[in-house]
Structure formats: C-alpha cells, structure tokens
C-alpha cells in the first residue's frame, strides 16, 4: 500500500505541466481577466513540475491580465533578521535584497518592468498598468499596511487576492483593517517606534520610523503554524460560506481568490462581533455562550414571585 501511494505521488509530481495547461486553468476558472489588479501568493512545488519553472508561472499570469492589468507579488523577508541586521549596522539594499516568499516571487522581482515598493522587510513588487502608482508611496506611513501602501491601494482600487497552493494566512488585508480602522478591538502594535535606515529600489537612502507588531499579541495570530491553525480553518470556512472565497485548481495546486473589498468588509463585520485573526477557539465559544444568554427570554419576576408564594401557601 505504501509503495502504491509513493508511486501515485511520484506520477503526480513527475507529470510535466505546460504553460498552455496553466493558462487554461486560469481562463476556464474565470477568476482573472484582462485589466484585473491582483496580489498573488504562491508555491511552485504545489503547482507541480512546471515546464520552464517560475518564469512560466509569471508569464501565464501576465498574459491573462494583459498589460492593462496589474500583477503584485510579495517580496518579503522575515522582519526579525532584518531588524537585527539594521541594529548591527548592516545596510538593507532593496535593489538586491531577495524575496523570501518562494521562487516565483524572486523570479518576478527581477523581471523587466517590475517596480518594488519601499519597505525594508515587507516590500511588494508590481508589474503592469498601475504598478508604479501602487508601489510609489509605501514609505509615506510608518505602518506596513498604512494609507497609500500597496496593500491599501489594492483595497481602494477594488483588487483581488489570490493564493496558489497556500492558505489564507498570507492575506495582508487583515493588517489593512488593523492599521486603518480606529475601532479595531485588539491593540496589535509595539508602542515604541523603530528608527530605521535602508536603501530603496531606486538607490535612495531612506531614514524613517517603523511601527512593528507586538510579538506577544501575535502569538495566536492566523499566521502562526500551530496556534493560528483553528482561526485559519474557521475563517476559511466562513469566507467560503459567505461566497467571498472562490476555489479553483492551478496545475496541481489547490488555489483560491477573494475580492479585496468583500473580504475586508467581512473582516470588519466579524471584528464588530469580537472575532479577529487573533481569536482562539475558547474565546469564540465564550462569545457564543454570551450571545445565547442574551437571546434567552427574560422571565417575569413578579409572576414568578406570585407563583412561588402560592406554592408555599
């Protein structure tokens, strides 16, 4: 049985996937079209044995969007090592700093016509009609997802978020809500500003303060592998039930896409109910119990006292 399973896995992985096949997957699923604005997170290994590798995936996405569309990809690095490097006096240079979000994003970063936003560890690369505008003002706010950041621009311009072979932990719209809605119920940031200096993609030296997330608060956040697993599953189910999340196949990868505005509005609705990407299963159960108690009809106190006195007599 184990040999059979191993052979089946080998056949799936070894089957070569063509550019035409991937393009067909996107067109047939109707999740993207010419002129769309989309942020794509991806895993090449989940797609399968793609002929031409990550370059092929980039070409497919570009061809479906056409030059009238705009393709965004993350070019992040883990913040802790970057902040540590900066404290040691090492200069982060976005002209050469690699993306740590997979081989597709790193290939995309170096393609002709791709712009890179100005952030030392959460930059975004963009290609297409609105690429320069979307990435131009990332350094204008100390927040990663603040006003005029690529993530906020994606929301304002009614863009889409797509995951290819990854789950919904990658969606930065969670942080757009936290950093732009004053009524968000959780204080997620370290109150101390972090002074920083780096070189942006144009070669300019940037000096500014950053606001970073509080690691203690983030312990149960949706992107935590173990402690965030429950809220990932819960939110995926909720977005599917609400009709916000659409699923499709891209090569061998289970994939999804969401409308940024609909996703953001649903997050806001849930936050008003006390449910965020930091909420645990125990906390949701407690909220449900409170709701059940509120819905329980109140008893008539005077009538109950009269009945009790009659029974006692």
C-alpha atoms as a PDB file:
ATOM      1  CA  UNK A   1       0.000   0.000   0.000  1.00  0.00           C
ATOM      2  CA  UNK A   2       2.805   2.420   0.902  1.00  0.00           C
ATOM      3  CA  UNK A   3       4.604   1.609  -2.376  1.00  0.00           C
ATOM      4  CA  UNK A   4       1.403   2.264  -4.306  1.00  0.00           C
ATOM      5  CA  UNK A   5       0.900   5.623  -2.625  1.00  0.00           C
ATOM      6  CA  UNK A   6       4.513   6.588  -3.218  1.00  0.00           C
ATOM      7  CA  UNK A   7       4.188   5.633  -6.895  1.00  0.00           C
ATOM      8  CA  UNK A   8       0.992   7.690  -7.260  1.00  0.00           C
ATOM      9  CA  UNK A   9       2.655  10.716  -5.637  1.00  0.00           C
ATOM     10  CA  UNK A  10       5.650  10.311  -7.942  1.00  0.00           C
ATOM     11  CA  UNK A  11       3.383  10.228 -11.000  1.00  0.00           C
ATOM     12  CA  UNK A  12       1.611  13.418  -9.910  1.00  0.00           C
ATOM     13  CA  UNK A  13       4.857  15.256  -9.191  1.00  0.00           C
ATOM     14  CA  UNK A  14       6.643  13.996 -12.300  1.00  0.00           C
ATOM     15  CA  UNK A  15       3.819  14.860 -14.715  1.00  0.00           C
ATOM     16  CA  UNK A  16       5.071  17.853 -16.652  1.00  0.00           C
ATOM     17  CA  UNK A  17       2.740  20.847 -16.671  1.00  0.00           C
ATOM     18  CA  UNK A  18       2.808  23.140 -19.676  1.00  0.00           C
ATOM     19  CA  UNK A  19       2.299  26.877 -19.967  1.00  0.00           C
ATOM     20  CA  UNK A  20      -0.811  26.277 -22.073  1.00  0.00           C
ATOM     21  CA  UNK A  21      -2.276  23.998 -19.387  1.00  0.00           C
ATOM     22  CA  UNK A  22      -1.789  26.616 -16.662  1.00  0.00           C
ATOM     23  CA  UNK A  23      -3.271  29.355 -18.819  1.00  0.00           C
ATOM     24  CA  UNK A  24      -6.276  27.118 -19.471  1.00  0.00           C
ATOM     25  CA  UNK A  25      -6.737  26.611 -15.708  1.00  0.00           C
ATOM     26  CA  UNK A  26      -6.982  30.372 -15.133  1.00  0.00           C
ATOM     27  CA  UNK A  27      -9.171  31.138 -18.124  1.00  0.00           C
ATOM     28  CA  UNK A  28     -11.540  28.211 -17.512  1.00  0.00           C
ATOM     29  CA  UNK A  29     -11.984  29.099 -13.831  1.00  0.00           C
ATOM     30  CA  UNK A  30     -12.804  32.725 -14.744  1.00  0.00           C
ATOM     31  CA  UNK A  31     -11.043  34.017 -11.667  1.00  0.00           C
ATOM     32  CA  UNK A  32      -8.874  36.538 -13.579  1.00  0.00           C
ATOM     33  CA  UNK A  33      -9.190  38.535 -16.724  1.00  0.00           C
ATOM     34  CA  UNK A  34      -7.673  41.379 -18.711  1.00  0.00           C
ATOM     35  CA  UNK A  35      -7.323  44.584 -16.700  1.00  0.00           C
ATOM     36  CA  UNK A  36      -7.591  42.992 -13.240  1.00  0.00           C
ATOM     37  CA  UNK A  37      -5.443  44.090 -10.304  1.00  0.00           C
ATOM     38  CA  UNK A  38      -4.323  41.095  -8.226  1.00  0.00           C
ATOM     39  CA  UNK A  39      -1.864  40.210  -5.474  1.00  0.00           C
ATOM     40  CA  UNK A  40      -0.601  36.623  -5.869  1.00  0.00           C
ATOM     41  CA  UNK A  41       0.987  34.403  -3.200  1.00  0.00           C
ATOM     42  CA  UNK A  42       2.251  31.084  -4.483  1.00  0.00           C
ATOM     43  CA  UNK A  43       4.081  27.792  -4.009  1.00  0.00           C
ATOM     44  CA  UNK A  44       5.805  26.383  -7.099  1.00  0.00           C
ATOM     45  CA  UNK A  45       6.181  22.931  -5.558  1.00  0.00           C
ATOM     46  CA  UNK A  46       2.417  22.700  -5.034  1.00  0.00           C
ATOM     47  CA  UNK A  47       1.723  23.560  -8.661  1.00  0.00           C
ATOM     48  CA  UNK A  48       3.829  20.622  -9.792  1.00  0.00           C
ATOM     49  CA  UNK A  49       6.560  20.003 -12.347  1.00  0.00           C
ATOM     50  CA  UNK A  50       6.073  23.138 -14.439  1.00  0.00           C
ATOM     51  CA  UNK A  51       7.934  23.241 -17.749  1.00  0.00           C
ATOM     52  CA  UNK A  52      10.083  26.368 -17.569  1.00  0.00           C
ATOM     53  CA  UNK A  53       9.670  26.730 -13.792  1.00  0.00           C
ATOM     54  CA  UNK A  54       8.745  30.024 -12.121  1.00  0.00           C
ATOM     55  CA  UNK A  55       9.256  32.054 -15.315  1.00  0.00           C
ATOM     56  CA  UNK A  56       6.388  30.124 -16.898  1.00  0.00           C
ATOM     57  CA  UNK A  57       4.037  30.885 -13.991  1.00  0.00           C
ATOM     58  CA  UNK A  58       4.862  34.603 -14.227  1.00  0.00           C
ATOM     59  CA  UNK A  59       4.242  34.622 -17.983  1.00  0.00           C
ATOM     60  CA  UNK A  60       0.881  32.891 -17.578  1.00  0.00           C
ATOM     61  CA  UNK A  61      -0.322  35.427 -15.011  1.00  0.00           C
ATOM     62  CA  UNK A  62       0.896  38.354 -17.109  1.00  0.00           C
ATOM     63  CA  UNK A  63      -0.684  37.014 -20.289  1.00  0.00           C
ATOM     64  CA  UNK A  64      -4.093  36.559 -18.651  1.00  0.00           C
ATOM     65  CA  UNK A  65      -4.032  40.040 -17.078  1.00  0.00           C
ATOM     66  CA  UNK A  66      -2.539  41.681 -20.227  1.00  0.00           C
ATOM     67  CA  UNK A  67      -0.622  44.948 -19.987  1.00  0.00           C
ATOM     68  CA  UNK A  68      -3.880  46.637 -18.965  1.00  0.00           C
ATOM     69  CA  UNK A  69      -3.869  44.676 -15.719  1.00  0.00           C
ATOM     70  CA  UNK A  70      -1.567  44.859 -12.714  1.00  0.00           C
ATOM     71  CA  UNK A  71       0.198  41.942 -11.047  1.00  0.00           C
ATOM     72  CA  UNK A  72       1.518  42.244  -7.487  1.00  0.00           C
ATOM     73  CA  UNK A  73       3.643  39.766  -5.572  1.00  0.00           C
ATOM     74  CA  UNK A  74       5.172  39.908  -2.089  1.00  0.00           C
ATOM     75  CA  UNK A  75       8.935  40.328  -1.804  1.00  0.00           C
ATOM     76  CA  UNK A  76       9.026  39.977   1.966  1.00  0.00           C
ATOM     77  CA  UNK A  77      11.743  38.937   4.349  1.00  0.00           C
ATOM     78  CA  UNK A  78      11.253  37.859   7.955  1.00  0.00           C
ATOM     79  CA  UNK A  79      11.280  41.109   9.989  1.00  0.00           C
ATOM     80  CA  UNK A  80      13.328  39.857  12.961  1.00  0.00           C
ATOM     81  CA  UNK A  81      16.551  39.126  10.984  1.00  0.00           C
ATOM     82  CA  UNK A  82      16.238  42.398   9.054  1.00  0.00           C
ATOM     83  CA  UNK A  83      15.735  44.476  12.194  1.00  0.00           C
ATOM     84  CA  UNK A  84      18.656  42.675  13.827  1.00  0.00           C
ATOM     85  CA  UNK A  85      20.859  43.378  10.783  1.00  0.00           C
ATOM     86  CA  UNK A  86      19.950  47.058  10.848  1.00  0.00           C
ATOM     87  CA  UNK A  87      20.752  47.284  14.561  1.00  0.00           C
ATOM     88  CA  UNK A  88      24.194  45.828  13.768  1.00  0.00           C
ATOM     89  CA  UNK A  89      24.762  48.492  11.128  1.00  0.00           C
ATOM     90  CA  UNK A  90      24.168  46.270   8.084  1.00  0.00           C
ATOM     91  CA  UNK A  91      22.567  48.204   5.206  1.00  0.00           C
ATOM     92  CA  UNK A  92      19.490  46.597   3.631  1.00  0.00           C
ATOM     93  CA  UNK A  93      19.508  47.371  -0.102  1.00  0.00           C
ATOM     94  CA  UNK A  94      16.217  46.721  -1.916  1.00  0.00           C
ATOM     95  CA  UNK A  95      17.983  46.807  -5.283  1.00  0.00           C
ATOM     96  CA  UNK A  96      19.478  43.410  -4.483  1.00  0.00           C
ATOM     97  CA  UNK A  97      17.611  42.054  -1.430  1.00  0.00           C
ATOM     98  CA  UNK A  98      15.934  38.780  -2.386  1.00  0.00           C
ATOM     99  CA  UNK A  99      12.335  37.815  -1.763  1.00  0.00           C
ATOM    100  CA  UNK A 100      11.886  35.065   0.815  1.00  0.00           C
ATOM    101  CA  UNK A 101       8.356  34.238  -0.374  1.00  0.00           C
ATOM    102  CA  UNK A 102       9.247  31.496  -2.829  1.00  0.00           C
ATOM    103  CA  UNK A 103      10.944  31.094  -6.194  1.00  0.00           C
ATOM    104  CA  UNK A 104       8.047  32.549  -8.198  1.00  0.00           C
ATOM    105  CA  UNK A 105       8.205  35.842  -6.294  1.00  0.00           C
ATOM    106  CA  UNK A 106      12.001  36.025  -6.573  1.00  0.00           C
ATOM    107  CA  UNK A 107      11.846  35.430 -10.328  1.00  0.00           C
ATOM    108  CA  UNK A 108       9.109  38.044 -10.651  1.00  0.00           C
ATOM    109  CA  UNK A 109      11.214  40.603  -8.740  1.00  0.00           C
ATOM    110  CA  UNK A 110      13.922  40.537 -11.412  1.00  0.00           C
ATOM    111  CA  UNK A 111      11.655  40.709 -14.487  1.00  0.00           C
ATOM    112  CA  UNK A 112      11.752  43.760 -16.784  1.00  0.00           C
ATOM    113  CA  UNK A 113       9.236  46.463 -15.910  1.00  0.00           C
ATOM    114  CA  UNK A 114       8.718  45.320 -12.304  1.00  0.00           C
ATOM    115  CA  UNK A 115       8.593  48.021  -9.610  1.00  0.00           C
ATOM    116  CA  UNK A 116       9.415  47.439  -5.929  1.00  0.00           C
ATOM    117  CA  UNK A 117       7.857  49.350  -3.025  1.00  0.00           C
ATOM    118  CA  UNK A 118       9.905  50.982  -0.285  1.00  0.00           C
ATOM    119  CA  UNK A 119       9.814  48.858   2.855  1.00  0.00           C
ATOM    120  CA  UNK A 120      12.822  47.074   4.412  1.00  0.00           C
ATOM    121  CA  UNK A 121      11.085  43.720   5.040  1.00  0.00           C
ATOM    122  CA  UNK A 122       7.528  43.908   3.634  1.00  0.00           C
ATOM    123  CA  UNK A 123       8.045  45.317   0.151  1.00  0.00           C
ATOM    124  CA  UNK A 124       5.766  44.495  -2.768  1.00  0.00           C
ATOM    125  CA  UNK A 125       6.747  44.057  -6.423  1.00  0.00           C
ATOM    126  CA  UNK A 126       4.378  45.109  -9.203  1.00  0.00           C
ATOM    127  CA  UNK A 127       4.098  44.835 -12.984  1.00  0.00           C
ATOM    128  CA  UNK A 128       1.525  46.322 -15.327  1.00  0.00           C
ATOM    129  CA  UNK A 129      -0.569  49.413 -15.869  1.00  0.00           C
ATOM    130  CA  UNK A 130      -0.841  50.607 -12.245  1.00  0.00           C
ATOM    131  CA  UNK A 131       2.344  49.010 -10.905  1.00  0.00           C
ATOM    132  CA  UNK A 132       4.255  52.235 -10.376  1.00  0.00           C
ATOM    133  CA  UNK A 133       1.346  54.056  -8.742  1.00  0.00           C
ATOM    134  CA  UNK A 134       0.509  51.168  -6.420  1.00  0.00           C
ATOM    135  CA  UNK A 135       4.090  50.846  -5.127  1.00  0.00           C
ATOM    136  CA  UNK A 136       5.125  54.527  -5.113  1.00  0.00           C
ATOM    137  CA  UNK A 137       4.132  55.592  -1.575  1.00  0.00           C
ATOM    138  CA  UNK A 138       4.904  52.672   0.732  1.00  0.00           C
ATOM    139  CA  UNK A 139       7.358  54.770   2.747  1.00  0.00           C
ATOM    140  CA  UNK A 140       4.816  57.542   3.429  1.00  0.00           C
ATOM    141  CA  UNK A 141       3.471  55.797   6.551  1.00  0.00           C
ATOM    142  CA  UNK A 142       5.286  54.100   9.454  1.00  0.00           C
ATOM    143  CA  UNK A 143       2.797  51.220   9.193  1.00  0.00           C
ATOM    144  CA  UNK A 144       3.316  48.250   6.870  1.00  0.00           C
ATOM    145  CA  UNK A 145      -0.262  48.420   5.577  1.00  0.00           C
ATOM    146  CA  UNK A 146      -0.968  52.077   6.225  1.00  0.00           C
ATOM    147  CA  UNK A 147      -2.633  54.596   3.910  1.00  0.00           C
ATOM    148  CA  UNK A 148      -1.166  54.571   0.363  1.00  0.00           C
ATOM    149  CA  UNK A 149       0.716  51.302   0.975  1.00  0.00           C
ATOM    150  CA  UNK A 150       0.366  48.719  -1.843  1.00  0.00           C
ATOM    151  CA  UNK A 151      -1.998  46.726   0.364  1.00  0.00           C
ATOM    152  CA  UNK A 152      -4.266  49.706   0.978  1.00  0.00           C
ATOM    153  CA  UNK A 153      -4.094  50.621  -2.717  1.00  0.00           C
ATOM    154  CA  UNK A 154      -5.223  47.095  -3.601  1.00  0.00           C
ATOM    155  CA  UNK A 155      -8.312  47.645  -1.460  1.00  0.00           C
ATOM    156  CA  UNK A 156      -9.026  51.158  -2.756  1.00  0.00           C
ATOM    157  CA  UNK A 157      -8.699  50.030  -6.370  1.00  0.00           C
ATOM    158  CA  UNK A 158     -11.049  47.038  -5.902  1.00  0.00           C
ATOM    159  CA  UNK A 159      -8.334  44.462  -6.496  1.00  0.00           C
ATOM    160  CA  UNK A 160      -8.173  40.746  -5.774  1.00  0.00           C
ATOM    161  CA  UNK A 161      -6.059  38.467  -3.577  1.00  0.00           C
ATOM    162  CA  UNK A 162      -5.038  35.066  -4.949  1.00  0.00           C
ATOM    163  CA  UNK A 163      -3.352  32.112  -3.257  1.00  0.00           C
ATOM    164  CA  UNK A 164      -1.812  29.321  -5.356  1.00  0.00           C
ATOM    165  CA  UNK A 165      -1.005  26.286  -3.203  1.00  0.00           C
ATOM    166  CA  UNK A 166      -1.045  28.354   0.020  1.00  0.00           C
ATOM    167  CA  UNK A 167      -3.677  29.026   2.672  1.00  0.00           C
ATOM    168  CA  UNK A 168      -5.313  32.313   3.660  1.00  0.00           C
ATOM    169  CA  UNK A 169      -2.792  33.222   6.348  1.00  0.00           C
ATOM    170  CA  UNK A 170      -0.928  35.214   3.673  1.00  0.00           C
ATOM    171  CA  UNK A 171      -3.635  37.853   3.140  1.00  0.00           C
ATOM    172  CA  UNK A 172      -2.361  41.262   4.276  1.00  0.00           C
ATOM    173  CA  UNK A 173      -5.866  42.748   4.309  1.00  0.00           C
ATOM    174  CA  UNK A 174      -6.052  41.642   7.942  1.00  0.00           C
ATOM    175  CA  UNK A 175      -3.426  44.249   8.725  1.00  0.00           C
ATOM    176  CA  UNK A 176      -5.012  46.875   6.477  1.00  0.00           C
ATOM    177  CA  UNK A 177      -8.041  46.653   8.777  1.00  0.00           C
ATOM    178  CA  UNK A 178      -5.919  46.820  11.954  1.00  0.00           C
ATOM    179  CA  UNK A 179      -3.889  49.794  10.796  1.00  0.00           C
ATOM    180  CA  UNK A 180      -6.602  51.918   9.191  1.00  0.00           C
ATOM    181  CA  UNK A 181      -9.723  51.341  11.307  1.00  0.00           C
ATOM    182  CA  UNK A 182      -9.576  53.105  14.663  1.00  0.00           C
ATOM    183  CA  UNK A 183     -12.207  50.795  16.207  1.00  0.00           C
ATOM    184  CA  UNK A 184     -10.255  47.570  15.706  1.00  0.00           C
ATOM    185  CA  UNK A 185     -10.712  45.743  19.059  1.00  0.00           C
ATOM    186  CA  UNK A 186      -7.118  44.494  19.559  1.00  0.00           C
ATOM    187  CA  UNK A 187      -4.016  46.617  20.155  1.00  0.00           C
ATOM    188  CA  UNK A 188      -1.551  44.817  17.925  1.00  0.00           C
ATOM    189  CA  UNK A 189       1.474  47.125  17.707  1.00  0.00           C
ATOM    190  CA  UNK A 190       4.536  47.736  19.791  1.00  0.00           C
ATOM    191  CA  UNK A 191       4.038  51.322  21.037  1.00  0.00           C
ATOM    192  CA  UNK A 192       7.718  52.157  20.543  1.00  0.00           C
ATOM    193  CA  UNK A 193       8.710  53.416  17.078  1.00  0.00           C
ATOM    194  CA  UNK A 194      11.658  51.664  15.472  1.00  0.00           C
ATOM    195  CA  UNK A 195      14.109  54.038  13.725  1.00  0.00           C
ATOM    196  CA  UNK A 196      15.444  52.541  10.524  1.00  0.00           C
ATOM    197  CA  UNK A 197      17.704  53.270   7.552  1.00  0.00           C
ATOM    198  CA  UNK A 198      17.867  51.343   4.282  1.00  0.00           C
ATOM    199  CA  UNK A 199      18.367  51.772   0.530  1.00  0.00           C
ATOM    200  CA  UNK A 200      15.229  51.574  -1.595  1.00  0.00           C
ATOM    201  CA  UNK A 201      14.882  50.089  -5.082  1.00  0.00           C
ATOM    202  CA  UNK A 202      15.775  53.402  -6.736  1.00  0.00           C
ATOM    203  CA  UNK A 203      19.018  53.681  -4.744  1.00  0.00           C
ATOM    204  CA  UNK A 204      17.821  56.381  -2.341  1.00  0.00           C
ATOM    205  CA  UNK A 205      18.822  56.205   1.329  1.00  0.00           C
ATOM    206  CA  UNK A 206      15.626  56.173   3.405  1.00  0.00           C
ATOM    207  CA  UNK A 207      15.565  57.179   7.072  1.00  0.00           C
ATOM    208  CA  UNK A 208      12.283  56.815   8.908  1.00  0.00           C
ATOM    209  CA  UNK A 209      10.481  55.273  11.853  1.00  0.00           C
ATOM    210  CA  UNK A 210       8.583  51.997  11.588  1.00  0.00           C
ATOM    211  CA  UNK A 211       5.694  50.722  13.683  1.00  0.00           C
ATOM    212  CA  UNK A 212       6.041  46.975  14.167  1.00  0.00           C
ATOM    213  CA  UNK A 213       3.736  44.291  15.524  1.00  0.00           C
ATOM    214  CA  UNK A 214       3.876  43.256  19.158  1.00  0.00           C
ATOM    215  CA  UNK A 215       5.192  39.650  19.126  1.00  0.00           C
ATOM    216  CA  UNK A 216       3.352  38.826  22.344  1.00  0.00           C
ATOM    217  CA  UNK A 217      -0.015  39.760  20.816  1.00  0.00           C
ATOM    218  CA  UNK A 218       0.863  37.862  17.632  1.00  0.00           C
ATOM    219  CA  UNK A 219       1.252  34.511  19.442  1.00  0.00           C
ATOM    220  CA  UNK A 220      -2.266  33.371  18.411  1.00  0.00           C
ATOM    221  CA  UNK A 221      -2.401  35.237  15.098  1.00  0.00           C
ATOM    222  CA  UNK A 222      -3.674  33.470  11.984  1.00  0.00           C
ATOM    223  CA  UNK A 223      -0.178  33.082  10.515  1.00  0.00           C
ATOM    224  CA  UNK A 224       1.123  31.085  13.498  1.00  0.00           C
ATOM    225  CA  UNK A 225       1.547  27.500  12.332  1.00  0.00           C
ATOM    226  CA  UNK A 226       0.023  25.798  15.391  1.00  0.00           C
ATOM    227  CA  UNK A 227      -1.773  28.419  17.482  1.00  0.00           C
ATOM    228  CA  UNK A 228      -3.251  30.072  14.386  1.00  0.00           C
ATOM    229  CA  UNK A 229      -4.489  26.838  12.816  1.00  0.00           C
ATOM    230  CA  UNK A 230      -8.001  26.931  14.284  1.00  0.00           C
ATOM    231  CA  UNK A 231      -8.827  30.510  13.252  1.00  0.00           C
ATOM    232  CA  UNK A 232      -7.399  29.801   9.756  1.00  0.00           C
ATOM    233  CA  UNK A 233      -9.785  26.895   9.313  1.00  0.00           C
ATOM    234  CA  UNK A 234     -12.707  28.794  10.833  1.00  0.00           C
ATOM    235  CA  UNK A 235     -12.185  31.887   8.693  1.00  0.00           C
ATOM    236  CA  UNK A 236     -11.658  29.868   5.507  1.00  0.00           C
ATOM    237  CA  UNK A 237     -14.989  28.117   6.124  1.00  0.00           C
ATOM    238  CA  UNK A 238     -16.722  31.407   6.915  1.00  0.00           C
ATOM    239  CA  UNK A 239     -15.431  33.160   3.779  1.00  0.00           C
ATOM    240  CA  UNK A 240     -16.457  30.160   1.691  1.00  0.00           C
ATOM    241  CA  UNK A 241     -19.943  30.146   3.225  1.00  0.00           C
ATOM    242  CA  UNK A 242     -20.286  33.898   2.647  1.00  0.00           C
ATOM    243  CA  UNK A 243     -19.404  33.456  -1.025  1.00  0.00           C
ATOM    244  CA  UNK A 244     -16.304  35.634  -0.648  1.00  0.00           C
ATOM    245  CA  UNK A 245     -13.726  32.906  -1.287  1.00  0.00           C
ATOM    246  CA  UNK A 246     -13.728  31.083  -4.644  1.00  0.00           C
ATOM    247  CA  UNK A 247     -11.625  27.944  -5.044  1.00  0.00           C
ATOM    248  CA  UNK A 248     -10.031  26.511  -8.198  1.00  0.00           C
ATOM    249  CA  UNK A 249      -7.114  24.366  -9.385  1.00  0.00           C
ATOM    250  CA  UNK A 250      -3.922  25.758 -10.898  1.00  0.00           C
ATOM    251  CA  UNK A 251      -1.804  22.867 -12.107  1.00  0.00           C
ATOM    252  CA  UNK A 252      -1.792  20.514  -9.124  1.00  0.00           C
ATOM    253  CA  UNK A 253      -2.260  23.329  -6.610  1.00  0.00           C
ATOM    254  CA  UNK A 254      -5.446  23.902  -4.657  1.00  0.00           C
ATOM    255  CA  UNK A 255      -5.944  27.631  -5.076  1.00  0.00           C
ATOM    256  CA  UNK A 256      -8.345  30.422  -4.117  1.00  0.00           C
ATOM    257  CA  UNK A 257      -9.190  34.031  -4.892  1.00  0.00           C
ATOM    258  CA  UNK A 258     -11.068  36.732  -2.984  1.00  0.00           C
ATOM    259  CA  UNK A 259     -12.376  40.164  -3.856  1.00  0.00           C
ATOM    260  CA  UNK A 260     -10.379  42.526  -1.621  1.00  0.00           C
ATOM    261  CA  UNK A 261     -13.334  44.784  -0.787  1.00  0.00           C
ATOM    262  CA  UNK A 262     -15.704  41.927   0.100  1.00  0.00           C
ATOM    263  CA  UNK A 263     -13.036  40.207   2.186  1.00  0.00           C
ATOM    264  CA  UNK A 264     -12.230  43.422   4.060  1.00  0.00           C
ATOM    265  CA  UNK A 265     -15.891  44.178   4.792  1.00  0.00           C
ATOM    266  CA  UNK A 266     -16.463  40.662   6.123  1.00  0.00           C
ATOM    267  CA  UNK A 267     -13.408  41.002   8.381  1.00  0.00           C
ATOM    268  CA  UNK A 268     -14.845  44.233   9.716  1.00  0.00           C
ATOM    269  CA  UNK A 269     -18.240  42.612  10.379  1.00  0.00           C
ATOM    270  CA  UNK A 270     -16.550  39.807  12.300  1.00  0.00           C
ATOM    271  CA  UNK A 271     -14.395  42.240  14.296  1.00  0.00           C
ATOM    272  CA  UNK A 272     -17.563  44.043  15.400  1.00  0.00           C
ATOM    273  CA  UNK A 273     -18.728  40.655  16.726  1.00  0.00           C
ATOM    274  CA  UNK A 274     -15.439  40.217  18.591  1.00  0.00           C
ATOM    275  CA  UNK A 275     -13.837  37.771  16.140  1.00  0.00           C
ATOM    276  CA  UNK A 276     -10.428  38.664  14.687  1.00  0.00           C
ATOM    277  CA  UNK A 277      -7.382  36.816  13.365  1.00  0.00           C
ATOM    278  CA  UNK A 278      -6.135  36.682  16.987  1.00  0.00           C
ATOM    279  CA  UNK A 279      -9.241  34.968  18.368  1.00  0.00           C
ATOM    280  CA  UNK A 280      -8.916  31.470  19.815  1.00  0.00           C
ATOM    281  CA  UNK A 281     -11.466  28.668  19.799  1.00  0.00           C
ATOM    282  CA  UNK A 282     -12.078  29.135  23.532  1.00  0.00           C
ATOM    283  CA  UNK A 283     -12.801  32.839  23.011  1.00  0.00           C
ATOM    284  CA  UNK A 284     -15.276  32.132  20.204  1.00  0.00           C
ATOM    285  CA  UNK A 285     -17.093  29.594  22.379  1.00  0.00           C
ATOM    286  CA  UNK A 286     -17.326  32.187  25.162  1.00  0.00           C
ATOM    287  CA  UNK A 287     -18.746  34.747  22.707  1.00  0.00           C
ATOM    288  CA  UNK A 288     -21.342  32.236  21.509  1.00  0.00           C
ATOM    289  CA  UNK A 289     -22.405  31.495  25.101  1.00  0.00           C
ATOM    290  CA  UNK A 290     -22.840  35.217  25.761  1.00  0.00           C
ATOM    291  CA  UNK A 291     -24.947  35.569  22.627  1.00  0.00           C
ATOM    292  CA  UNK A 292     -27.114  32.612  23.670  1.00  0.00           C
ATOM    293  CA  UNK A 293     -27.697  34.170  27.086  1.00  0.00           C
ATOM    294  CA  UNK A 294     -28.712  37.468  25.508  1.00  0.00           C
ATOM    295  CA  UNK A 295     -31.219  35.704  23.265  1.00  0.00           C
ATOM    296  CA  UNK A 296     -32.762  33.750  26.159  1.00  0.00           C
ATOM    297  CA  UNK A 297     -36.199  35.241  27.023  1.00  0.00           C
ATOM    298  CA  UNK A 298     -36.347  37.054  30.364  1.00  0.00           C
ATOM    299  CA  UNK A 299     -38.667  35.641  32.971  1.00  0.00           C
ATOM    300  CA  UNK A 300     -41.397  37.747  34.547  1.00  0.00           C
ATOM    301  CA  UNK A 301     -40.082  38.353  38.066  1.00  0.00           C
ATOM    302  CA  UNK A 302     -43.428  39.422  39.597  1.00  0.00           C
ATOM    303  CA  UNK A 303     -45.232  36.421  38.146  1.00  0.00           C
ATOM    304  CA  UNK A 304     -42.541  34.065  39.408  1.00  0.00           C
ATOM    305  CA  UNK A 305     -42.766  35.503  42.929  1.00  0.00           C
ATOM    306  CA  UNK A 306     -46.577  35.107  42.922  1.00  0.00           C
ATOM    307  CA  UNK A 307     -46.317  31.501  41.785  1.00  0.00           C
ATOM    308  CA  UNK A 308     -43.693  30.814  44.461  1.00  0.00           C
ATOM    309  CA  UNK A 309     -45.857  32.322  47.224  1.00  0.00           C
ATOM    310  CA  UNK A 310     -48.931  30.364  46.041  1.00  0.00           C
ATOM    311  CA  UNK A 311     -46.959  27.151  46.096  1.00  0.00           C
ATOM    312  CA  UNK A 312     -45.684  27.921  49.580  1.00  0.00           C
ATOM    313  CA  UNK A 313     -49.200  28.559  50.898  1.00  0.00           C
END
